[in-house]
C-alpha cells in the first residue's frame, strides 16, 4: 500500500477517476508505474502458487478465484492501457490489509482490546474502499465510459464480468467481517470467522490450548486455598509443572500454525 501511495500521490488521476480517460488510449508508462505493476503482478502470482500450501479455510476456493481474477484483470488492464484504473483498484484493495494484519498481531499478542479497536478500523476501511468507492467510482467510471464501451466486445465483456464477480467476493467476505466485528463488540475474543474449517491440527491445538487454560484455572484455585491444602504441596507442584508444560506446548504449536 505504501509503495502504491508513493507512486500515485503526484499523479493527476490519483484523486479524480475521470482523469484516467483523458488522452486514452495514448497513455505513457513511467518507470515507477512499470515497476509497481511488475511487482504487484508477481505478488499475486506468488499468492496463487502458495495457496495450496496455506492453511485451508472456508473461503479457500473464493480466495483462489480472487487471485486468478486479480491476475487476469491486471493483465487485461495492462494490455489495453487501462493501467491507471488497475492501479487505483489495487490501492483500494490494499488499504485495509495493513489494519487486518495489525489486528492479527495484536490478537496473537493477547492484546484483545487493541485487536478489537484495530479490527473496528479495518471494518470501516473495508466497507468504504471495497463497497462504496470501488463500485461507486471505479466500476461506475469504467462501465459508463465511452472509451471503455468502444473496446472490442471480448475483453470488454471479460473485464465487466470479472469486476462484478470481484464485487460479489467483497460482499461474501463482508459477511465474515461483520460476524467477527459483532463478536468483537460483544467483548468476545477477535477470531477469524473462516477458521472453523481449518485443518485437523488446528482443532487439536485448540483442545490442548483449552487444556492449558483449564490448568491455569486449577492453579489459581489452588492459590486461593493454599493455606488449607499445605499437605498436598507435592501433588500441587506436579500439577503446576504439568499444566505449565501443556500451556507452553499449545502456545508453541499455535505460533507454528499462525505464522506459516
Protein backbone atom coordinates (compact mmCIF):
# COMPACT_ATOMS: atom_id res chain seq x y z
CA UNK A 1 0.00 0.00 0.00
CA UNK A 2 2.80 2.45 0.90
CA UNK A 3 4.54 1.79 -2.42
CA UNK A 4 1.30 2.47 -4.30
CA UNK A 5 0.87 5.80 -2.48
CA UNK A 6 4.46 6.67 -3.29
CA UNK A 7 3.80 6.02 -6.98
CA UNK A 8 0.38 7.69 -7.21
CA UNK A 9 0.49 10.67 -4.90
CA UNK A 10 1.69 13.11 -7.60
CA UNK A 11 -0.46 11.72 -10.42
CA UNK A 12 -3.35 13.88 -11.65
CA UNK A 13 -5.63 10.84 -11.79
CA UNK A 14 -4.99 9.83 -8.18
CA UNK A 15 -7.96 11.78 -6.79
CA UNK A 16 -10.03 12.09 -9.97
CA UNK A 17 -11.02 8.88 -11.73
CA UNK A 18 -12.20 10.76 -14.81
CA UNK A 19 -8.60 11.86 -15.41
CA UNK A 20 -7.84 8.21 -16.22
CA UNK A 21 -9.69 8.62 -19.52
CA UNK A 22 -8.10 11.85 -20.71
CA UNK A 23 -5.97 11.11 -23.76
CA UNK A 24 -6.94 7.44 -23.72
CA UNK A 25 -5.55 5.17 -25.10
CA UNK A 26 -2.35 7.16 -25.62
CA UNK A 27 -1.03 6.96 -22.07
CA UNK A 28 2.69 6.84 -21.43
CA UNK A 29 4.03 4.43 -18.81
CA UNK A 30 6.58 5.86 -16.40
CA UNK A 31 9.23 3.74 -14.72
CA UNK A 32 7.53 3.78 -11.29
CA UNK A 33 4.24 2.62 -12.81
CA UNK A 34 6.02 -0.15 -14.71
CA UNK A 35 7.84 -1.41 -11.62
CA UNK A 36 4.75 -1.23 -9.41
CA UNK A 37 2.67 -3.28 -11.83
CA UNK A 38 5.52 -5.78 -12.25
CA UNK A 39 5.92 -6.30 -8.52
CA UNK A 40 2.15 -6.30 -7.95
CA UNK A 41 1.57 -8.96 -10.58
CA UNK A 42 4.43 -11.04 -9.18
CA UNK A 43 2.97 -10.78 -5.68
CA UNK A 44 -0.43 -12.10 -6.73
CA UNK A 45 1.19 -14.86 -8.79
CA UNK A 46 3.07 -15.93 -5.66
CA UNK A 47 -0.21 -15.88 -3.69
CA UNK A 48 -1.75 -18.13 -6.30
CA UNK A 49 1.15 -20.59 -6.29
CA UNK A 50 1.28 -20.85 -2.49
CA UNK A 51 -2.48 -21.04 -1.96
CA UNK A 52 -2.46 -24.85 -1.89
CA UNK A 53 0.17 -24.87 0.88
CA UNK A 54 -1.57 -22.34 3.09
CA UNK A 55 -3.90 -23.24 5.96
CA UNK A 56 -7.22 -24.21 4.38
CA UNK A 57 -10.16 -22.04 5.40
CA UNK A 58 -13.83 -21.85 4.49
CA UNK A 59 -13.10 -19.40 1.69
CA UNK A 60 -10.26 -21.40 0.11
CA UNK A 61 -11.87 -21.55 -3.34
CA UNK A 62 -13.10 -17.96 -3.14
CA UNK A 63 -9.58 -16.77 -2.32
CA UNK A 64 -8.17 -18.87 -5.16
CA UNK A 65 -10.69 -17.36 -7.60
CA UNK A 66 -9.88 -13.90 -6.27
CA UNK A 67 -6.18 -14.34 -7.07
CA UNK A 68 -6.98 -15.59 -10.58
CA UNK A 69 -9.37 -12.68 -11.21
CA UNK A 70 -6.79 -10.18 -9.96
CA UNK A 71 -4.05 -11.54 -12.22
CA UNK A 72 -6.35 -11.63 -15.27
CA UNK A 73 -7.64 -8.10 -14.62
CA UNK A 74 -4.11 -6.78 -14.19
CA UNK A 75 -3.09 -8.41 -17.47
CA UNK A 76 -6.08 -7.04 -19.36
CA UNK A 77 -5.65 -3.57 -17.84
CA UNK A 78 -2.00 -3.56 -18.89
CA UNK A 79 -2.55 -4.82 -22.44
CA UNK A 80 -5.47 -2.42 -23.07
CA UNK A 81 -3.77 0.60 -21.48
CA UNK A 82 -6.17 0.68 -18.54
CA UNK A 83 -3.32 0.53 -16.03
CA UNK A 84 -4.45 3.73 -14.29
CA UNK A 85 -7.76 2.20 -13.27
CA UNK A 86 -5.94 -1.02 -12.42
CA UNK A 87 -3.57 0.76 -10.04
CA UNK A 88 -6.39 2.63 -8.33
CA UNK A 89 -8.18 -0.69 -7.85
CA UNK A 90 -5.06 -2.25 -6.34
CA UNK A 91 -4.70 0.68 -3.96
CA UNK A 92 -8.29 0.33 -2.76
CA UNK A 93 -7.76 -3.38 -2.15
CA UNK A 94 -4.51 -2.81 -0.25
CA UNK A 95 -5.79 -0.08 2.08
CA UNK A 96 -7.44 -2.47 4.53
CA UNK A 97 -4.64 -5.06 4.57
CA UNK A 98 -2.41 -3.13 6.96
CA UNK A 99 -5.21 -2.98 9.53
CA UNK A 100 -6.18 -6.64 9.39
CA UNK A 101 -2.56 -7.74 9.73
CA UNK A 102 -2.09 -5.36 12.68
CA UNK A 103 -5.24 -6.74 14.30
CA UNK A 104 -3.93 -10.28 13.89
CA UNK A 105 -0.61 -9.39 15.52
CA UNK A 106 -2.40 -7.75 18.43
CA UNK A 107 -4.62 -10.81 18.76
CA UNK A 108 -1.65 -13.19 18.75
CA UNK A 109 -0.01 -10.99 21.41
CA UNK A 110 -3.11 -11.42 23.62
CA UNK A 111 -3.88 -7.68 23.46
CA UNK A 112 -7.60 -8.14 22.96
CA UNK A 113 -8.66 -4.51 23.42
CA UNK A 114 -6.08 -3.31 20.90
CA UNK A 115 -7.08 -6.06 18.46
CA UNK A 116 -10.74 -5.10 18.78
CA UNK A 117 -10.02 -1.41 18.17
CA UNK A 118 -7.87 -2.08 15.10
CA UNK A 119 -10.44 -4.53 13.74
CA UNK A 120 -13.18 -1.91 14.01
CA UNK A 121 -10.99 0.47 11.98
CA UNK A 122 -10.33 -2.31 9.47
CA UNK A 123 -14.07 -2.95 9.09
CA UNK A 124 -14.75 0.73 8.36
CA UNK A 125 -11.88 0.96 5.85
CA UNK A 126 -13.03 -2.26 4.16
CA UNK A 127 -16.61 -1.06 3.76
CA UNK A 128 -15.60 2.39 2.50
CA UNK A 129 -12.97 1.20 -0.01
CA UNK A 130 -14.49 -2.04 -1.31
CA UNK A 131 -18.23 -1.49 -1.00
CA UNK A 132 -18.50 2.27 -1.60
CA UNK A 133 -15.53 3.70 -3.53
CA UNK A 134 -14.82 0.65 -5.70
CA UNK A 135 -18.35 0.22 -7.12
CA UNK A 136 -19.29 3.90 -6.84
CA UNK A 137 -16.18 5.32 -8.51
CA UNK A 138 -14.07 2.71 -10.30
CA UNK A 139 -16.80 0.41 -11.59
CA UNK A 140 -19.15 3.26 -12.43
CA UNK A 141 -16.50 5.19 -14.36
CA UNK A 142 -15.35 2.09 -16.20
CA UNK A 143 -18.76 0.77 -17.24
CA UNK A 144 -20.10 4.18 -18.29
CA UNK A 145 -17.07 5.49 -20.15
CA UNK A 146 -17.44 5.66 -23.95
CA UNK A 147 -13.76 4.74 -24.22
CA UNK A 148 -14.38 1.50 -22.37
CA UNK A 149 -17.54 0.76 -24.33
CA UNK A 150 -15.53 1.22 -27.53
CA UNK A 151 -13.23 -1.68 -26.64
CA UNK A 152 -13.64 -4.97 -28.55
CA UNK A 153 -16.52 -6.98 -27.13
CA UNK A 154 -14.42 -9.91 -25.88
CA UNK A 155 -12.09 -8.02 -23.49
CA UNK A 156 -14.87 -5.59 -22.53
CA UNK A 157 -17.22 -8.40 -21.52
CA UNK A 158 -14.48 -10.27 -19.68
CA UNK A 159 -13.45 -7.19 -17.69
CA UNK A 160 -17.07 -6.37 -16.89
CA UNK A 161 -17.82 -9.88 -15.70
CA UNK A 162 -14.67 -10.10 -13.58
CA UNK A 163 -15.14 -6.81 -11.76
CA UNK A 164 -18.77 -7.71 -10.99
CA UNK A 165 -17.63 -11.09 -9.66
CA UNK A 166 -14.96 -9.29 -7.63
CA UNK A 167 -17.66 -7.16 -6.03
CA UNK A 168 -19.60 -10.32 -5.17
CA UNK A 169 -16.50 -11.68 -3.41
CA UNK A 170 -16.29 -8.44 -1.44
CA UNK A 171 -19.88 -8.94 -0.27
CA UNK A 172 -19.11 -12.57 0.62
CA UNK A 173 -16.13 -11.59 2.79
CA UNK A 174 -18.06 -8.71 4.34
CA UNK A 175 -20.35 -11.34 5.89
CA UNK A 176 -17.40 -12.87 7.75
CA UNK A 177 -16.04 -9.46 8.73
CA UNK A 178 -19.38 -8.35 10.17
CA UNK A 179 -19.60 -11.65 12.02
CA UNK A 180 -16.23 -11.10 13.67
CA UNK A 181 -16.97 -7.43 14.31
CA UNK A 182 -20.18 -8.33 16.17
CA UNK A 183 -18.24 -10.77 18.33
CA UNK A 184 -15.54 -8.17 18.98
CA UNK A 185 -18.06 -5.50 20.01
CA UNK A 186 -19.67 -8.08 22.30
CA UNK A 187 -16.34 -8.30 24.13
CA UNK A 188 -15.62 -11.73 22.71
CA UNK A 189 -12.13 -12.60 21.51
CA UNK A 190 -11.46 -11.46 17.97
CA UNK A 191 -11.05 -14.53 15.78
CA UNK A 192 -11.07 -15.22 12.05
CA UNK A 193 -14.63 -16.41 11.30
CA UNK A 194 -13.28 -18.55 8.48
CA UNK A 195 -11.13 -20.63 10.83
CA UNK A 196 -13.71 -23.29 11.71
CA UNK A 197 -12.90 -25.38 8.66
CA UNK A 198 -9.14 -25.31 9.00
CA UNK A 199 -7.07 -28.48 9.14
CA UNK A 200 -7.46 -31.05 11.85
CA UNK A 201 -4.27 -29.90 13.51
CA UNK A 202 -5.97 -26.64 14.47
CA UNK A 203 -8.68 -28.43 16.43
CA UNK A 204 -6.03 -30.47 18.22
CA UNK A 205 -4.12 -27.32 19.08
CA UNK A 206 -7.30 -25.72 20.36
CA UNK A 207 -8.00 -28.73 22.57
CA UNK A 208 -4.54 -28.62 24.02
CA UNK A 209 -4.83 -24.86 24.44
CA UNK A 210 -8.09 -25.32 26.36
CA UNK A 211 -6.37 -27.91 28.47
CA UNK A 212 -3.68 -25.38 29.29
CA UNK A 213 -6.26 -22.72 30.14
CA UNK A 214 -8.13 -25.16 32.41
CA UNK A 215 -4.84 -25.97 34.08
CA UNK A 216 -4.22 -22.30 34.81
CA UNK A 217 -7.68 -22.06 36.36
CA UNK A 218 -6.83 -25.04 38.60
CA UNK A 219 -3.58 -23.36 39.61
CA UNK A 220 -5.42 -20.18 40.57
CA UNK A 221 -7.87 -22.23 42.57
CA UNK A 222 -5.03 -23.87 44.43
CA UNK A 223 -3.57 -20.46 45.21
CA UNK A 224 -6.85 -19.33 46.74
CA UNK A 225 -6.92 -22.34 49.07
CA UNK A 226 -3.21 -22.58 49.67
CA UNK A 227 -3.48 -22.19 53.44
CA UNK A 228 -5.75 -25.24 53.85
CA UNK A 229 -4.01 -27.53 51.39
CA UNK A 230 -0.38 -27.49 52.55
CA UNK A 231 -0.44 -31.26 52.86
CA UNK A 232 -0.89 -31.57 49.10
CA UNK A 233 2.15 -29.47 48.22
CA UNK A 234 3.88 -32.26 46.32
CA UNK A 235 0.83 -33.04 44.21
CA UNK A 236 0.30 -29.32 43.66
CA UNK A 237 3.87 -28.82 42.41
CA UNK A 238 3.46 -31.68 39.98
CA UNK A 239 0.18 -30.27 38.73
CA UNK A 240 1.73 -26.84 38.23
CA UNK A 241 4.61 -28.30 36.26
CA UNK A 242 2.34 -30.46 34.06
CA UNK A 243 -0.09 -27.67 33.29
CA UNK A 244 2.65 -25.14 32.52
CA UNK A 245 4.22 -27.60 30.11
CA UNK A 246 0.83 -28.18 28.43
CA UNK A 247 0.33 -24.44 28.07
CA UNK A 248 3.80 -23.96 26.58
CA UNK A 249 3.24 -26.77 24.07
CA UNK A 250 -0.11 -25.29 23.00
CA UNK A 251 1.39 -21.82 22.60
CA UNK A 252 4.34 -23.07 20.55
CA UNK A 253 2.10 -25.13 18.27
CA UNK A 254 -0.27 -22.21 17.73
CA UNK A 255 2.63 -19.94 16.79
CA UNK A 256 3.91 -22.50 14.28
CA UNK A 257 0.49 -22.65 12.60
CA UNK A 258 -0.44 -18.95 12.70
CA UNK A 259 2.86 -17.67 11.31
CA UNK A 260 3.32 -20.19 8.47
